[in-house]
Amino acid sequence: MDVVTKEVGNLSDRYAKDGVVRIKGALTPYWLNRLRKAVDEELKRGERYFAYRNMRMQQGIFRDFCMKSGIGRLVADLGRSDWTSLIFDQMFVKEPGTRTRTGWHTDQPYWPIDGSIMTTWIALDEVDEDNGALEFIPGSHAWGMKYRPFITDQKGAFLEYLCRDDPQYCDMPDFEAERCKHTIVHWNLEPGDLLAFDGFIVHSAMGNRTSTRRRRGYAIRFALDRARYDPDQGVAEWLSDKSLAKGAPVRSDFFPVVFSC
C-alpha cells in the first residue's frame, strides 16, 4: 500500500536549492494510524528519551513502512536518484513541558557516509511553534561546511563537542544568536505531513512549551545513489558496515535497497 497519493517530482528543484521541502498529506490513513500506534507501543518499553533509533531492525510496522510503503520511491523521485537504501530510522518525542530546545546542528557529520542523504521526518501529531516545530536555514546544505558533532542530554540540549582535534570538522557558529543574519523557516504540520531534508542542512527544533500536547515525529534516513561509505567520517559506530569498502555505494545487507529503478 503506497505511502503517498501524489507525485513529488515537481518539488525536486526546490529540494535541490533549499535542502528542505514540506509534503502535505504524504501518508495515507492506513500508514499514519499504524505508525502512531507503533510509536506508542515503543514508548511503553522504557523511559521517554527524546530519540529512539533503529526500530527497523525488528520485524513489525516500522520495518514494513520503511521497506513496503513506497516511501523509497518518494525519496528517489524527490532526490533524482536511481535508487535509495535505508540507513536507519528514528523517532523523536517531545513531551509536554519539555522546553529544552534542540540545538542547531547538521546530521551527516555524525554518520560514516559521504554524499547524498535524505531524511524524511513524518509528523504523527500536530506540530507548531508551541510544541516543537523544526527550523531550517534553507540553502545551508550547499555551504560545504562539515560542522563538528556534539552530544546532548536526554532532552536534546547541548553537552559537549566531539572530535575536537579532527581537522575535517569546524565549529558550529551560534546560529541562535545570529538569527537576524539568516533566513530561518519552519512549517506547521498536520499528522501525516512530511518534511524531507538534506543531511547537511542546518536545523534545530523548538521546545514543547505546552502542558498537554505531545509531539511525535518519525524520521527515516535514506542514502541516494551519490552516497558513498566513509568509515573515516562520523561518530556513530553502530552504523559501521565492515562489508563495505571506503568509497563503495551505500547498499548492503545492513543498508538494504528500498527502491531501484
Protein backbone atom coordinates (compact mmCIF):
# COMPACT_ATOMS: atom_id res chain seq x y z
CA MET A 1 0.00 0.00 0.00
CA ASP A 2 1.53 3.31 -1.09
CA VAL A 3 2.63 5.93 1.40
CA VAL A 4 1.58 8.84 -0.80
CA THR A 5 -1.19 9.62 -3.21
CA LYS A 6 0.53 12.30 -5.31
CA GLU A 7 3.71 12.90 -7.29
CA VAL A 8 6.60 14.83 -5.75
CA GLY A 9 8.84 15.30 -8.78
CA ASN A 10 7.69 18.91 -9.08
CA LEU A 11 9.41 19.60 -5.74
CA SER A 12 12.83 18.35 -6.87
CA ASP A 13 14.14 21.77 -7.93
CA ARG A 14 13.13 23.34 -4.64
CA TYR A 15 14.66 20.48 -2.67
CA ALA A 16 17.95 20.83 -4.58
CA LYS A 17 18.00 24.60 -3.95
CA ASP A 18 16.76 24.81 -0.36
CA GLY A 19 17.69 21.40 1.02
CA VAL A 20 14.25 21.02 2.60
CA VAL A 21 10.62 20.76 1.46
CA ARG A 22 7.29 20.03 3.07
CA ILE A 23 4.91 17.48 1.56
CA LYS A 24 1.40 17.89 2.90
CA GLY A 25 -0.71 14.82 3.48
CA ALA A 26 2.07 12.44 2.46
CA LEU A 27 0.84 9.45 4.45
CA THR A 28 -2.33 7.54 3.83
CA PRO A 29 -4.53 6.95 6.91
CA TYR A 30 -3.55 3.28 6.74
CA TRP A 31 0.11 4.01 7.49
CA LEU A 32 -0.43 7.02 9.71
CA ASN A 33 -2.63 5.12 12.13
CA ARG A 34 -0.27 2.17 12.28
CA LEU A 35 2.81 4.30 12.84
CA ARG A 36 1.13 6.25 15.63
CA LYS A 37 0.19 3.02 17.35
CA ALA A 38 3.68 1.57 16.86
CA VAL A 39 5.33 4.65 18.38
CA ASP A 40 3.08 4.47 21.41
CA GLU A 41 3.94 0.80 21.85
CA GLU A 42 7.65 1.61 21.61
CA LEU A 43 7.30 4.30 24.27
CA LYS A 44 5.91 1.74 26.68
CA ARG A 45 9.17 -0.21 26.51
CA GLY A 46 11.24 2.25 28.52
CA GLU A 47 11.96 5.80 29.55
CA ARG A 48 10.72 8.53 27.27
CA TYR A 49 14.08 9.56 25.88
CA PHE A 50 13.54 12.15 23.19
CA ALA A 51 15.04 9.96 20.43
CA TYR A 52 14.77 6.24 19.73
CA ARG A 53 16.56 4.63 16.79
CA ASN A 54 16.81 1.60 14.51
CA MET A 55 13.38 0.16 15.20
CA ARG A 56 13.52 -1.06 11.58
CA MET A 57 15.90 -3.83 12.65
CA GLN A 58 12.99 -5.76 14.14
CA GLN A 59 10.05 -7.23 12.26
CA GLY A 60 6.98 -5.05 12.60
CA ILE A 61 5.30 -1.85 11.45
CA PHE A 62 8.45 0.28 11.34
CA ARG A 63 10.28 -2.18 9.09
CA ASP A 64 7.20 -2.71 6.93
CA PHE A 65 6.78 1.02 6.47
CA CYS A 66 10.43 1.54 5.51
CA MET A 67 10.51 -1.35 3.06
CA LYS A 68 6.97 -1.68 1.71
CA SER A 69 5.14 1.64 1.91
CA GLY A 70 6.56 3.26 -1.21
CA ILE A 71 8.46 5.94 0.68
CA GLY A 72 11.68 4.84 -1.01
CA ARG A 73 10.18 5.78 -4.38
CA LEU A 74 9.17 9.18 -2.99
CA VAL A 75 12.75 9.79 -1.83
CA ALA A 76 14.19 8.69 -5.18
CA ASP A 77 11.84 10.96 -7.12
CA LEU A 78 12.49 13.93 -4.88
CA GLY A 79 16.26 13.44 -4.86
CA ARG A 80 16.51 12.45 -8.54
CA SER A 81 18.16 9.19 -7.62
CA ASP A 82 18.12 5.83 -9.42
CA TRP A 83 17.91 4.00 -6.09
CA THR A 84 17.54 4.56 -2.38
CA SER A 85 18.78 2.50 0.55
CA LEU A 86 17.78 2.54 4.20
CA ILE A 87 20.34 3.79 6.71
CA PHE A 88 18.25 3.81 9.88
CA ASP A 89 15.01 5.05 11.35
CA GLN A 90 14.39 7.08 14.46
CA MET A 91 11.53 8.52 16.45
CA PHE A 92 11.61 11.85 18.28
CA VAL A 93 9.18 12.54 21.10
CA LYS A 94 8.91 15.88 22.89
CA GLU A 95 6.64 15.53 25.88
CA PRO A 96 4.53 18.46 27.13
CA GLY A 97 6.65 20.79 29.23
CA THR A 98 9.93 19.83 27.55
CA ARG A 99 11.02 23.39 26.96
CA THR A 100 14.57 22.44 26.02
CA ARG A 101 15.44 23.49 22.51
CA THR A 102 17.26 21.01 20.27
CA GLY A 103 20.40 22.90 19.30
CA TRP A 104 21.36 23.91 15.78
CA HIS A 105 23.22 21.12 14.05
CA THR A 106 23.71 19.13 10.87
CA ASP A 107 23.12 15.38 10.80
CA GLN A 108 25.52 13.90 8.31
CA PRO A 109 28.84 14.58 10.11
CA TYR A 110 27.71 12.02 12.70
CA TRP A 111 27.47 9.22 10.15
CA PRO A 112 30.08 7.27 8.11
CA ILE A 113 28.58 8.32 4.80
CA ASP A 114 29.64 10.94 2.27
CA GLY A 115 27.40 12.26 -0.48
CA SER A 116 23.64 12.50 -0.65
CA ILE A 117 21.48 11.56 2.33
CA MET A 118 17.82 12.48 2.72
CA THR A 119 15.79 12.39 5.91
CA THR A 120 12.02 12.08 5.84
CA TRP A 121 10.53 13.43 9.09
CA ILE A 122 6.88 12.48 9.47
CA ALA A 123 4.55 14.34 11.81
CA LEU A 124 2.40 11.98 13.86
CA ASP A 125 0.79 14.84 15.80
CA GLU A 126 0.01 18.45 15.03
CA VAL A 127 3.33 20.32 15.13
CA ASP A 128 3.77 24.06 15.56
CA GLU A 129 5.99 26.58 17.31
CA ASP A 130 4.34 25.83 20.65
CA ASN A 131 5.15 22.11 20.81
CA GLY A 132 8.43 21.66 18.95
CA ALA A 133 8.44 22.73 15.30
CA LEU A 134 11.63 22.07 13.34
CA GLU A 135 13.52 25.09 12.00
CA PHE A 136 15.82 25.16 8.98
CA ILE A 137 18.24 27.52 7.25
CA PRO A 138 17.40 26.99 3.56
CA GLY A 139 20.41 26.55 1.31
CA SER A 140 22.80 25.80 4.17
CA HIS A 141 23.27 22.25 2.87
CA ALA A 142 25.24 23.74 -0.01
CA TRP A 143 27.71 25.74 2.11
CA GLY A 144 30.26 22.93 2.02
CA MET A 145 30.70 23.01 5.80
CA LYS A 146 31.16 19.90 7.93
CA TYR A 147 30.21 21.05 11.42
CA ARG A 148 31.61 19.28 14.44
CA PRO A 149 29.35 16.63 16.04
CA PHE A 150 28.26 17.07 19.63
CA ILE A 151 26.45 15.06 22.27
CA THR A 152 23.26 16.06 24.05
CA ASP A 153 21.43 15.23 27.23
CA GLN A 154 18.24 13.16 27.26
CA LYS A 155 16.18 16.20 26.29
CA GLY A 156 18.35 17.16 23.35
CA ALA A 157 20.31 20.01 24.96
CA PHE A 158 23.96 20.53 24.02
CA LEU A 159 26.55 18.97 26.34
CA GLU A 160 29.92 18.94 24.59
CA TYR A 161 31.63 18.72 21.22
CA LEU A 162 33.16 15.52 19.89
CA CYS A 163 36.17 15.15 17.58
CA ARG A 164 37.71 18.39 18.86
CA ASP A 165 41.07 17.69 17.21
CA ASP A 166 39.75 16.32 13.91
CA PRO A 167 40.56 18.86 11.15
CA GLN A 168 37.79 17.62 8.84
CA TYR A 169 35.25 19.36 11.11
CA CYS A 170 34.73 23.01 12.01
CA ASP A 171 32.94 24.55 14.98
CA MET A 172 29.27 25.43 14.63
CA PRO A 173 28.51 29.17 14.70
CA ASP A 174 25.98 30.39 17.26
CA PHE A 175 23.07 30.48 14.84
CA GLU A 176 20.60 31.21 17.63
CA ALA A 177 22.48 34.40 18.49
CA GLU A 178 22.76 35.22 14.78
CA ARG A 179 19.15 34.60 13.79
CA CYS A 180 18.85 38.04 12.22
CA LYS A 181 21.65 37.17 9.77
CA HIS A 182 19.87 34.18 8.27
CA THR A 183 16.61 33.23 6.63
CA ILE A 184 15.04 30.71 9.02
CA VAL A 185 11.89 28.77 8.16
CA HIS A 186 9.53 26.39 9.90
CA TRP A 187 6.22 24.79 8.97
CA ASN A 188 3.15 24.00 10.99
CA LEU A 189 2.39 20.34 10.30
CA GLU A 190 -0.69 18.16 10.43
CA PRO A 191 -0.47 14.45 11.20
CA GLY A 192 0.71 12.73 8.03
CA ASP A 193 2.65 15.72 6.69
CA LEU A 194 6.29 15.06 5.84
CA LEU A 195 9.46 17.13 5.84
CA ALA A 196 12.26 15.95 3.55
CA PHE A 197 15.68 17.44 4.18
CA ASP A 198 19.33 17.05 3.24
CA GLY A 199 21.88 15.54 5.63
CA PHE A 200 23.94 18.74 5.65
CA ILE A 201 21.19 21.31 6.19
CA VAL A 202 21.49 23.35 9.40
CA HIS A 203 18.41 22.82 11.55
CA SER A 204 17.06 22.76 15.09
CA ALA A 205 13.79 22.15 16.92
CA MET A 206 11.83 24.34 19.29
CA GLY A 207 10.92 23.22 22.77
CA ASN A 208 7.48 21.98 23.77
CA ARG A 209 6.05 24.66 25.99
CA THR A 210 2.53 23.23 26.07
CA SER A 211 1.10 21.38 29.05
CA THR A 212 -0.93 18.78 27.14
CA ARG A 213 0.36 18.30 23.56
CA ARG A 214 2.95 15.61 22.90
CA ARG A 215 4.95 15.97 19.69
CA ARG A 216 5.78 12.67 18.00
CA GLY A 217 7.90 12.54 14.86
CA TYR A 218 9.15 9.53 12.90
CA ALA A 219 12.33 10.03 10.86
CA ILE A 220 13.93 7.75 8.28
CA ARG A 221 17.41 8.30 6.88
CA PHE A 222 17.97 7.27 3.26
CA ALA A 223 21.10 7.10 1.10
CA LEU A 224 20.76 8.20 -2.53
CA ASP A 225 22.78 6.88 -5.44
CA ARG A 226 25.53 9.51 -4.93
CA ALA A 227 26.18 8.39 -1.33
CA ARG A 228 29.44 6.61 -0.54
CA TYR A 229 30.58 4.78 2.56
CA ASP A 230 33.32 6.61 4.50
CA PRO A 231 34.45 4.93 7.73
CA ASP A 232 36.81 7.86 8.41
CA GLN A 233 33.86 10.17 8.98
CA GLY A 234 31.32 10.19 11.76
CA VAL A 235 30.98 9.11 15.37
CA ALA A 236 28.11 6.62 15.06
CA GLU A 237 30.00 3.34 15.42
CA TRP A 238 26.69 1.48 15.40
CA LEU A 239 26.43 2.36 11.68
CA SER A 240 29.71 0.65 10.82
CA ASP A 241 29.41 -1.87 7.97
CA LYS A 242 32.56 -3.94 7.52
CA SER A 243 31.18 -5.44 4.30
CA LEU A 244 31.62 -2.08 2.55
CA ALA A 245 34.94 -0.64 1.39
CA LYS A 246 35.61 3.07 1.66
CA GLY A 247 34.04 4.78 -1.34
CA ALA A 248 31.54 2.00 -2.01
CA PRO A 249 27.88 2.81 -2.70
CA VAL A 250 25.82 2.63 0.48
CA ARG A 251 23.87 -0.53 -0.28
CA SER A 252 24.33 -3.83 1.55
CA ASP A 253 22.52 -6.25 3.81
CA PHE A 254 22.89 -3.70 6.62
CA PHE A 255 21.82 -0.80 4.37
CA PRO A 256 19.16 -2.54 2.26
CA VAL A 257 17.98 -1.11 -1.05
CA VAL A 258 14.41 0.12 -0.64
CA PHE A 259 13.78 1.29 -4.20
CA SER A 260 15.60 0.86 -7.51
CA CYS A 261 14.60 1.99 -11.00
